Amino acid sequence: MGDTLYADGLKASSAGSESLERFRDVFLGALRSSDVWMWEIDAAGRIVFSAGPVERLFGFSNDALLGKDLPALFAPEDSKLVEDALSSARASKASFSGLEVYGSFSNGRKTSLLLSGSPVITGTAVLGFRGVAEDIASAALSKETLLHEKAWFEKVISIIPVVVVGLGEKSRIIIFNEYAEKLTGYSAKEVVGKQWIDLFIPKDRRDEMHSVFDKIVRTRVMEHEYENPILTKSGESRLIFWHNVVILHKDGSFKSVLSVGEDITRTRRAESSLQEVANRYRLVTSQTGQLLYDYDLRSGRIDWFGAIKELTGYDEGFFRKIDISAWFELIHPDDRTSAIKTLSRAQESGSKYASEYRFKAKHGWVYLHDEGVFTSDPAGVPLRLIGAMRDITGQKQTEAELMRWAEQLEKFNKLAVGRELKMIELKKRIKSLEAQLATHKPSPEGEVSSDDG
């Protein structure tokens, strides 16, 4: 059951990731034909992501911009404006927008851009900024062209197999794509204009989500990735992993949140089932005294589970640092070479591994029975050894005791057989003597032998 759920979960997760990858390719392709440059910088102001018509605008390729200092792309007076805007936004942890900058770029073209950006925040730290720059000189696109691009973008959103929702103030729904309709059971007509939180968020989390959304509107900052359950029309709960971006008006005020979500319900159920199975297995192995391991053949690292303390006597914190080299050193010197050869032969053939040897536990030498199976890559090269060990010291002691008694019994049997042979020989001798006596038996009383006549 758990294995099936896990496999289904992986398929669902893989399908969602592939869908996002396709959406990313389509989206970036659309950017290249637009007048919007998307950028991202790290804490030092260096460009780490670039997408859009950069060759047309700046004369650089996207890759050529990576690592460059963002303010340095602009004329000296505008470079200072960008630095001040980033510094102020970093201090206030707020977005900036509507910054008009000019520059002469590598192709000699002087362009005018409208720059906006939002801080990337983790905890209290600002890790960098994400933003866009719009070519103002190209803002005079015809209404027909704008409508065409809008229709094309809406078509892309409608057909991609992931949830896409857009939320305005008070979490009112403004975008609800076809996949969202399929997943939730609601049509876009039913939900557009209604509050997302009141319609889709479970009751026990609505107050929390209202507070979170109000903060997003106020600060214009939100977590780029987020996970929460939603309710479908039938009342079923689905767990969604969101990728979010806040969209601002030109004056820097909140406009909307655009969210792309993956349904990870089956994945989480599979993980939960696997965790439950793992917990039960750990309990069983701990109670039965088994020590489990996962040995990475490439790195030599070993992950240990189960009855670590019970079998080895060592603390878990210490024992989890033991890799394959340290493990070999803990094998009894008289058994070490044989144990290593057995492991090497099994690894070379990819066959099941089994070995018995003495191990230096904290309280002294113990006998272990060690067995496992190899997992391999598609080419059949072993990558890991998954196995279990158990203490067979008692078994070995019993075997030794049985051997000692067997030897004693064999000695006794030899003595007993010798004695029996002697008894048989004695009986034969007695019978022989009796026969001899019978031939010399005296005549009955009063009878005269013929010799006396």
Protein backbone atom coordinates (compact mmCIF):
# COMPACT_ATOMS: atom_id res chain seq x y z
CA MET A 1 0.00 0.00 0.00
CA GLY A 2 2.73 2.45 1.07
CA ASP A 3 4.88 1.60 -1.97
CA THR A 4 1.97 2.25 -4.34
CA LEU A 5 1.18 5.58 -2.75
CA TYR A 6 4.82 6.56 -2.88
CA ALA A 7 5.09 5.67 -6.59
CA ASP A 8 1.86 7.57 -7.35
CA GLY A 9 3.17 10.50 -5.35
CA LEU A 10 6.40 10.55 -7.33
CA LYS A 11 4.45 10.46 -10.60
CA ALA A 12 2.22 13.32 -9.47
CA SER A 13 5.22 15.34 -8.27
CA SER A 14 7.12 14.63 -11.51
CA ALA A 15 4.11 15.61 -13.62
CA GLY A 16 3.73 18.87 -11.70
CA SER A 17 7.44 19.69 -12.07
CA GLU A 18 7.36 18.98 -15.81
CA SER A 19 4.30 21.20 -16.16
CA LEU A 20 6.05 24.04 -14.37
CA GLU A 21 9.11 23.56 -16.58
CA ARG A 22 6.95 23.81 -19.71
CA PHE A 23 5.22 26.87 -18.30
CA ARG A 24 8.62 28.42 -17.54
CA ASP A 25 9.84 27.85 -21.12
CA VAL A 26 6.67 29.34 -22.58
CA PHE A 27 6.75 32.27 -20.16
CA LEU A 28 10.40 33.11 -20.85
CA GLY A 29 9.75 32.88 -24.57
CA ALA A 30 6.94 35.39 -24.18
CA LEU A 31 9.22 37.73 -22.22
CA ARG A 32 11.81 37.75 -24.99
CA SER A 33 9.20 39.11 -27.41
CA SER A 34 7.94 41.71 -24.95
CA ASP A 35 9.41 44.99 -23.59
CA VAL A 36 9.75 43.74 -20.01
CA TRP A 37 13.08 42.69 -18.56
CA MET A 38 12.90 40.46 -15.46
CA TRP A 39 15.93 40.55 -13.18
CA GLU A 40 17.13 39.23 -9.84
CA ILE A 41 20.17 40.29 -7.82
CA ASP A 42 21.89 38.86 -4.75
CA ALA A 43 22.68 40.76 -1.54
CA ALA A 44 25.78 42.28 -3.15
CA GLY A 45 23.78 43.70 -6.08
CA ARG A 46 25.08 41.21 -8.65
CA ILE A 47 22.66 39.95 -11.29
CA VAL A 48 21.88 36.23 -10.75
CA PHE A 49 18.87 35.93 -13.07
CA SER A 50 17.92 37.73 -16.27
CA ALA A 51 15.10 37.11 -18.72
CA GLY A 52 13.53 39.19 -21.45
CA PRO A 53 14.58 41.22 -24.49
CA VAL A 54 18.02 42.12 -23.09
CA GLU A 55 19.85 41.86 -26.43
CA ARG A 56 17.43 44.30 -28.02
CA LEU A 57 17.44 46.65 -25.03
CA PHE A 58 21.07 46.49 -23.87
CA GLY A 59 23.07 44.69 -26.54
CA PHE A 60 24.02 41.95 -24.06
CA SER A 61 22.88 38.35 -23.89
CA ASN A 62 21.13 37.17 -20.74
CA ASP A 63 24.18 35.08 -19.80
CA ALA A 64 26.51 38.07 -20.32
CA LEU A 65 24.53 40.07 -17.74
CA LEU A 66 24.97 37.43 -15.03
CA GLY A 67 27.42 38.58 -12.37
CA LYS A 68 27.27 42.24 -13.41
CA ASP A 69 26.43 44.93 -10.89
CA LEU A 70 22.88 46.16 -11.50
CA PRO A 71 23.47 49.88 -10.79
CA ALA A 72 26.55 49.85 -13.04
CA LEU A 73 24.36 49.13 -16.09
CA PHE A 74 23.10 52.69 -16.05
CA ALA A 75 24.59 56.13 -16.52
CA PRO A 76 26.51 57.48 -13.48
CA GLU A 77 23.70 59.78 -12.29
CA ASP A 78 21.13 56.99 -12.67
CA SER A 79 23.42 54.41 -11.09
CA LYS A 80 23.32 56.43 -7.88
CA LEU A 81 19.51 56.55 -8.04
CA VAL A 82 19.36 52.75 -8.31
CA GLU A 83 21.81 52.30 -5.42
CA ASP A 84 19.76 54.66 -3.22
CA ALA A 85 16.50 52.88 -4.13
CA LEU A 86 17.99 49.46 -3.26
CA SER A 87 19.48 50.77 -0.01
CA SER A 88 16.19 52.33 1.08
CA ALA A 89 14.19 49.21 0.14
CA ARG A 90 16.65 46.99 2.00
CA ALA A 91 16.33 49.08 5.15
CA SER A 92 12.52 49.25 5.03
CA LYS A 93 12.10 45.75 3.59
CA ALA A 94 9.63 47.30 1.13
CA SER A 95 9.34 47.37 -2.64
CA PHE A 96 10.24 50.28 -4.91
CA SER A 97 8.74 51.16 -8.29
CA GLY A 98 8.45 53.81 -10.94
CA LEU A 99 12.19 54.56 -10.98
CA GLU A 100 13.00 56.02 -14.39
CA VAL A 101 16.59 55.41 -15.45
CA TYR A 102 18.61 56.03 -18.59
CA GLY A 103 21.73 54.52 -20.00
CA SER A 104 23.81 53.99 -23.08
CA PHE A 105 24.48 50.31 -23.51
CA SER A 106 26.91 48.16 -25.50
CA ASN A 107 24.97 48.52 -28.76
CA GLY A 108 25.14 52.33 -28.56
CA ARG A 109 21.39 52.58 -28.14
CA LYS A 110 20.18 54.93 -25.42
CA THR A 111 17.10 53.54 -23.80
CA SER A 112 14.75 54.61 -21.07
CA LEU A 113 13.50 52.09 -18.50
CA LEU A 114 10.99 52.12 -15.68
CA LEU A 115 12.54 50.06 -12.86
CA SER A 116 10.66 48.26 -10.04
CA GLY A 117 11.83 45.74 -7.47
CA SER A 118 10.90 43.80 -4.34
CA PRO A 119 13.21 42.42 -1.62
CA VAL A 120 13.69 38.66 -1.25
CA ILE A 121 13.33 38.08 2.48
CA THR A 122 14.02 35.02 4.61
CA GLY A 123 13.31 35.60 8.30
CA THR A 124 14.70 39.08 8.90
CA ALA A 125 17.43 38.91 6.25
CA VAL A 126 17.20 40.50 2.81
CA LEU A 127 18.87 38.01 0.44
CA GLY A 128 18.52 40.17 -2.65
CA PHE A 129 15.88 41.71 -4.94
CA ARG A 130 13.61 40.58 -7.76
CA GLY A 131 12.14 43.05 -10.20
CA VAL A 132 11.26 44.17 -13.70
CA ALA A 133 12.30 46.95 -16.02
CA GLU A 134 9.92 48.17 -18.70
CA ASP A 135 11.08 49.84 -21.90
CA ILE A 136 9.20 53.15 -21.75
CA ALA A 137 10.12 53.97 -25.33
CA SER A 138 8.11 50.97 -26.48
CA ALA A 139 5.08 51.83 -24.34
CA ALA A 140 3.25 53.18 -27.34
CA LEU A 141 2.27 49.75 -28.58
CA SER A 142 -1.00 49.78 -30.45
CA LYS A 143 -4.12 48.76 -28.60
CA GLU A 144 -4.56 45.85 -30.99
CA THR A 145 -1.09 44.50 -30.15
CA LEU A 146 -1.68 44.85 -26.43
CA LEU A 147 -4.98 43.04 -26.68
CA HIS A 148 -3.33 40.29 -28.72
CA GLU A 149 -0.56 39.81 -26.12
CA LYS A 150 -3.10 39.84 -23.29
CA ALA A 151 -5.21 37.19 -25.04
CA TRP A 152 -2.13 35.08 -25.75
CA PHE A 153 -0.97 35.24 -22.12
CA GLU A 154 -4.45 34.37 -20.85
CA LYS A 155 -4.49 31.38 -23.21
CA VAL A 156 -1.18 30.13 -21.85
CA ILE A 157 -2.43 30.44 -18.26
CA SER A 158 -5.65 28.66 -19.11
CA ILE A 159 -4.06 25.54 -20.60
CA ILE A 160 -1.07 24.76 -18.38
CA PRO A 161 -1.73 21.73 -16.07
CA VAL A 162 -1.08 23.54 -12.78
CA VAL A 163 -3.28 25.79 -10.65
CA VAL A 164 -2.97 29.49 -11.56
CA VAL A 165 -4.88 32.05 -9.49
CA GLY A 166 -4.67 35.82 -9.28
CA LEU A 167 -5.91 37.61 -6.17
CA GLY A 168 -6.66 41.30 -5.78
CA GLU A 169 -7.29 43.20 -2.55
CA LYS A 170 -9.19 41.32 0.18
CA SER A 171 -8.14 38.13 -1.69
CA ARG A 172 -10.78 38.66 -4.38
CA ILE A 173 -10.24 36.23 -7.26
CA ILE A 174 -9.35 37.84 -10.60
CA ILE A 175 -7.68 34.86 -12.37
CA PHE A 176 -8.81 31.22 -12.13
CA ASN A 177 -7.48 28.91 -14.85
CA GLU A 178 -8.95 25.72 -16.31
CA TYR A 179 -6.80 23.41 -14.21
CA ALA A 180 -8.01 25.21 -11.08
CA GLU A 181 -11.57 24.57 -12.27
CA LYS A 182 -10.81 20.87 -12.80
CA LEU A 183 -9.13 20.46 -9.41
CA THR A 184 -11.65 22.35 -7.29
CA GLY A 185 -14.89 21.58 -9.12
CA TYR A 186 -15.74 25.31 -9.38
CA SER A 187 -16.03 27.18 -12.66
CA ALA A 188 -14.29 30.53 -13.07
CA LYS A 189 -17.70 32.20 -13.36
CA GLU A 190 -18.64 30.88 -9.93
CA VAL A 191 -15.57 32.22 -8.13
CA VAL A 192 -14.22 35.33 -9.90
CA GLY A 193 -14.92 38.36 -7.70
CA LYS A 194 -15.32 36.27 -4.54
CA GLN A 195 -12.86 36.12 -1.69
CA TRP A 196 -10.40 33.25 -2.09
CA ILE A 197 -9.86 32.86 1.64
CA ASP A 198 -13.54 32.57 2.55
CA LEU A 199 -14.27 30.16 -0.31
CA PHE A 200 -11.23 27.85 -0.38
CA ILE A 201 -9.40 28.02 2.97
CA PRO A 202 -10.54 25.69 5.82
CA LYS A 203 -12.42 27.56 8.59
CA ASP A 204 -9.80 26.94 11.26
CA ARG A 205 -7.18 28.74 9.15
CA ARG A 206 -9.18 31.64 7.69
CA ASP A 207 -8.37 34.22 10.39
CA GLU A 208 -4.69 33.41 10.06
CA MET A 209 -4.80 33.70 6.25
CA HIS A 210 -6.72 37.01 6.39
CA SER A 211 -3.96 38.42 8.61
CA VAL A 212 -1.28 37.11 6.27
CA PHE A 213 -2.96 38.56 3.19
CA ASP A 214 -3.54 41.95 4.86
CA LYS A 215 0.19 42.04 5.64
CA ILE A 216 1.02 41.26 2.00
CA VAL A 217 -1.15 44.16 0.81
CA ARG A 218 0.41 46.46 3.42
CA THR A 219 4.08 45.50 2.95
CA ARG A 220 3.87 44.27 -0.66
CA VAL A 221 6.09 41.36 0.36
CA MET A 222 5.25 37.66 0.64
CA GLU A 223 6.99 34.31 0.77
CA HIS A 224 7.97 33.18 -2.71
CA GLU A 225 6.97 29.59 -1.89
CA TYR A 226 4.15 28.55 0.43
CA GLU A 227 2.15 25.43 1.25
CA ASN A 228 -1.43 25.22 2.51
CA PRO A 229 -4.61 23.12 2.16
CA ILE A 230 -7.62 24.23 0.13
CA LEU A 231 -11.18 22.89 0.02
CA THR A 232 -12.79 21.75 -3.22
CA LYS A 233 -16.45 22.19 -4.06
CA SER A 234 -17.18 18.68 -2.73
CA GLY A 235 -15.47 19.50 0.58
CA GLU A 236 -12.33 17.46 -0.14
CA SER A 237 -9.06 18.88 1.19
CA ARG A 238 -6.16 19.23 -1.26
CA LEU A 239 -2.65 20.30 -0.28
CA ILE A 240 -1.13 22.88 -2.65
CA PHE A 241 2.48 24.05 -2.92
CA TRP A 242 2.45 27.65 -4.21
CA HIS A 243 4.98 29.75 -6.13
CA ASN A 244 3.97 33.38 -5.63
CA VAL A 245 4.80 36.86 -6.93
CA VAL A 246 3.38 40.23 -5.83
CA ILE A 247 2.41 42.57 -8.69
CA LEU A 248 2.45 46.31 -8.03
CA HIS A 249 0.91 49.39 -9.62
CA LYS A 250 3.31 51.95 -11.12
CA ASP A 251 3.09 54.02 -7.95
CA GLY A 252 4.32 51.02 -5.93
CA SER A 253 0.97 50.18 -4.34
CA PHE A 254 -0.37 46.64 -4.20
CA LYS A 255 -2.14 45.41 -7.32
CA SER A 256 -2.43 41.62 -7.04
CA VAL A 257 -0.80 38.32 -6.18
CA LEU A 258 -0.16 35.81 -8.96
CA SER A 259 0.21 32.24 -7.66
CA VAL A 260 1.11 29.03 -9.48
CA GLY A 261 0.32 25.91 -7.44
CA GLU A 262 1.18 22.19 -7.53
CA ASP A 263 -1.24 19.68 -6.02
CA ILE A 264 1.02 17.69 -3.67
CA THR A 265 -1.76 15.86 -1.81
CA ARG A 266 -0.81 12.38 -3.05
CA THR A 267 2.88 13.04 -2.48
CA ARG A 268 2.28 14.05 1.14
CA ARG A 269 0.02 11.04 1.72
CA ALA A 270 2.71 8.79 0.32
CA GLU A 271 5.32 10.44 2.54
CA SER A 272 3.04 10.05 5.55
CA SER A 273 2.43 6.38 4.77
CA LEU A 274 6.14 5.79 4.29
CA GLN A 275 6.90 7.56 7.57
CA GLU A 276 4.35 5.43 9.37
CA VAL A 277 5.85 2.26 7.91
CA ALA A 278 9.34 3.49 8.79
CA ASN A 279 8.30 4.23 12.38
CA ARG A 280 6.80 0.78 12.76
CA TYR A 281 9.86 -0.83 11.23
CA ARG A 282 12.16 1.12 13.55
CA LEU A 283 10.08 -0.02 16.51
CA VAL A 284 10.26 -3.65 15.38
CA THR A 285 13.99 -3.51 14.71
CA SER A 286 14.63 -1.78 18.01
CA GLN A 287 12.60 -4.37 19.92
CA THR A 288 14.21 -7.29 18.08
CA GLY A 289 17.71 -5.86 18.45
CA GLN A 290 18.43 -5.37 14.72
CA LEU A 291 20.82 -2.68 13.48
CA LEU A 292 19.89 -1.32 10.03
CA TYR A 293 22.21 0.53 7.68
CA ASP A 294 22.31 2.29 4.32
CA TYR A 295 25.88 2.27 2.95
CA ASP A 296 26.72 4.67 0.08
CA LEU A 297 29.44 2.86 -1.88
CA ARG A 298 30.71 6.04 -3.56
CA SER A 299 31.21 8.22 -0.47
CA GLY A 300 31.70 5.52 2.17
CA ARG A 301 29.01 7.12 4.30
CA ILE A 302 26.74 4.86 6.35
CA ASP A 303 23.34 5.90 7.73
CA TRP A 304 22.47 3.85 10.84
CA PHE A 305 19.01 3.03 12.22
CA GLY A 306 17.43 0.72 14.75
CA ALA A 307 18.98 -0.80 17.88
CA ILE A 308 22.23 1.20 17.85
CA LYS A 309 22.59 1.51 21.62
CA GLU A 310 21.24 -1.96 22.37
CA LEU A 311 23.56 -3.79 19.96
CA THR A 312 26.77 -1.72 20.06
CA GLY A 313 26.62 0.02 23.44
CA TYR A 314 27.68 3.30 21.78
CA ASP A 315 25.64 6.52 21.90
CA GLU A 316 23.70 7.25 18.71
CA GLY A 317 25.42 10.62 18.20
CA PHE A 318 28.85 8.97 18.22
CA PHE A 319 27.86 5.92 16.20
CA ARG A 320 26.20 7.86 13.36
CA LYS A 321 29.64 9.30 12.50
CA ILE A 322 31.04 5.84 11.75
CA ASP A 323 31.72 5.35 8.04
CA ILE A 324 32.89 2.21 6.22
CA SER A 325 36.59 2.70 7.12
CA ALA A 326 35.80 3.13 10.81
CA TRP A 327 33.52 0.09 10.65
CA PHE A 328 36.27 -2.10 9.23
CA GLU A 329 38.52 -1.05 12.12
CA LEU A 330 35.89 -2.30 14.59
CA ILE A 331 35.92 -5.82 13.10
CA HIS A 332 38.10 -8.35 14.96
CA PRO A 333 41.59 -8.55 13.35
CA ASP A 334 41.22 -12.31 12.82
CA ASP A 335 37.91 -11.81 10.96
CA ARG A 336 38.59 -8.50 9.16
CA THR A 337 40.26 -9.74 5.96
CA SER A 338 37.63 -12.43 5.38
CA ALA A 339 34.75 -9.98 6.03
CA ILE A 340 36.16 -7.38 3.62
CA LYS A 341 36.72 -10.00 0.89
CA THR A 342 33.17 -11.30 1.29
CA LEU A 343 31.81 -7.76 0.89
CA SER A 344 34.01 -7.07 -2.16
CA ARG A 345 32.95 -10.29 -3.91
CA ALA A 346 29.27 -9.56 -3.32
CA GLN A 347 29.70 -5.98 -4.59
CA GLU A 348 31.49 -7.10 -7.75
CA SER A 349 28.77 -9.62 -8.58
CA GLY A 350 25.86 -7.55 -7.26
CA SER A 351 24.67 -10.61 -5.38
CA LYS A 352 23.16 -10.79 -1.91
CA TYR A 353 25.71 -10.15 0.81
CA ALA A 354 25.98 -12.18 4.02
CA SER A 355 28.80 -12.46 6.54
CA GLU A 356 29.50 -13.33 10.18
CA TYR A 357 32.29 -11.76 12.21
CA ARG A 358 33.26 -10.44 15.61
CA PHE A 359 32.67 -6.75 16.28
CA LYS A 360 34.15 -4.55 18.98
CA ALA A 361 31.13 -3.25 20.90
CA LYS A 362 31.59 -0.81 23.75
CA HIS A 363 31.22 -3.64 26.29
CA GLY A 364 33.48 -6.12 24.43
CA TRP A 365 33.53 -8.45 21.41
CA VAL A 366 30.21 -9.67 20.02
CA TYR A 367 29.38 -11.90 17.06
CA LEU A 368 27.31 -10.25 14.29
CA HIS A 369 25.34 -11.73 11.42
CA ASP A 370 25.45 -9.10 8.65
CA GLU A 371 23.41 -9.37 5.45
CA GLY A 372 22.12 -6.97 2.81
CA VAL A 373 21.26 -6.31 -0.83
CA PHE A 374 22.78 -3.91 -3.35
CA THR A 375 20.86 -1.24 -5.28
CA SER A 376 22.30 -0.29 -8.68
CA ASP A 377 22.10 2.41 -11.32
CA PRO A 378 20.47 1.74 -14.74
CA ALA A 379 23.81 0.38 -15.99
CA GLY A 380 23.86 -2.20 -13.22
CA VAL A 381 26.65 -0.56 -11.21
CA PRO A 382 26.05 -1.06 -7.45
CA LEU A 383 25.51 2.26 -5.65
CA ARG A 384 24.28 1.36 -2.17
CA LEU A 385 24.08 -1.57 0.21
CA ILE A 386 20.95 -1.78 2.34
CA GLY A 387 21.24 -4.28 5.16
CA ALA A 388 20.70 -5.40 8.73
CA MET A 389 22.86 -6.80 11.50
CA ARG A 390 21.91 -8.83 14.53
CA ASP A 391 23.81 -10.04 17.56
CA ILE A 392 24.42 -13.81 17.35
CA THR A 393 26.81 -14.02 20.30
CA GLY A 394 24.37 -16.17 22.26
CA GLN A 395 23.91 -18.42 19.25
CA LYS A 396 27.68 -18.78 18.83
CA GLN A 397 28.08 -19.56 22.53
CA THR A 398 25.34 -22.20 22.28
CA GLU A 399 27.02 -23.69 19.20
CA ALA A 400 30.35 -23.84 21.06
CA GLU A 401 28.69 -25.49 24.06
CA LEU A 402 26.99 -28.02 21.79
CA MET A 403 30.33 -28.73 20.12
CA ARG A 404 31.94 -29.34 23.52
CA TRP A 405 29.16 -31.74 24.52
CA ALA A 406 29.39 -33.46 21.14
CA GLU A 407 33.09 -34.05 21.70
CA GLN A 408 32.40 -35.41 25.20
CA LEU A 409 29.65 -37.65 23.83
CA GLU A 410 31.97 -38.93 21.12
CA LYS A 411 34.58 -39.85 23.76
CA PHE A 412 31.92 -41.54 25.87
CA ASN A 413 30.63 -43.46 22.87
CA LYS A 414 34.12 -44.65 22.05
CA LEU A 415 34.54 -45.88 25.64
CA ALA A 416 31.09 -47.44 25.62
CA VAL A 417 31.73 -49.22 22.33
CA GLY A 418 35.06 -50.52 23.60
CA ARG A 419 33.41 -51.77 26.76
CA GLU A 420 30.64 -53.42 24.75
CA LEU A 421 33.17 -55.17 22.56
CA LYS A 422 34.96 -56.42 25.65
CA MET A 423 31.64 -57.72 27.08
CA ILE A 424 30.91 -59.57 23.86
CA GLU A 425 34.39 -61.11 23.89
CA LEU A 426 33.96 -62.07 27.57
CA LYS A 427 30.60 -63.69 26.86
CA LYS A 428 32.13 -65.67 24.04
CA ARG A 429 34.95 -66.80 26.35
CA ILE A 430 32.45 -67.85 29.02
CA LYS A 431 30.46 -69.87 26.51
CA SER A 432 33.65 -71.47 25.30
CA LEU A 433 34.64 -72.41 28.84
CA GLU A 434 31.15 -73.77 29.53
CA ALA A 435 31.42 -75.94 26.44
CA GLN A 436 34.75 -77.24 27.60
CA LEU A 437 33.40 -77.99 31.04
CA ALA A 438 30.51 -79.89 29.52
CA THR A 439 32.88 -82.32 27.83
CA HIS A 440 34.49 -83.10 31.22
CA LYS A 441 31.25 -83.49 33.18
CA PRO A 442 31.43 -86.50 35.83
CA SER A 443 29.21 -89.71 35.44
CA PRO A 444 26.06 -90.12 37.60
CA GLU A 445 26.63 -91.52 41.12
CA GLY A 446 26.92 -95.37 41.31
CA GLU A 447 27.60 -95.80 37.60
CA VAL A 448 30.81 -97.71 36.85
CA SER A 449 32.71 -96.75 33.80
CA SER A 450 33.72 -99.39 31.28
CA ASP A 451 37.33 -98.71 32.05
CA ASP A 452 36.88 -100.12 35.58
CA GLY A 453 35.31 -103.42 34.43
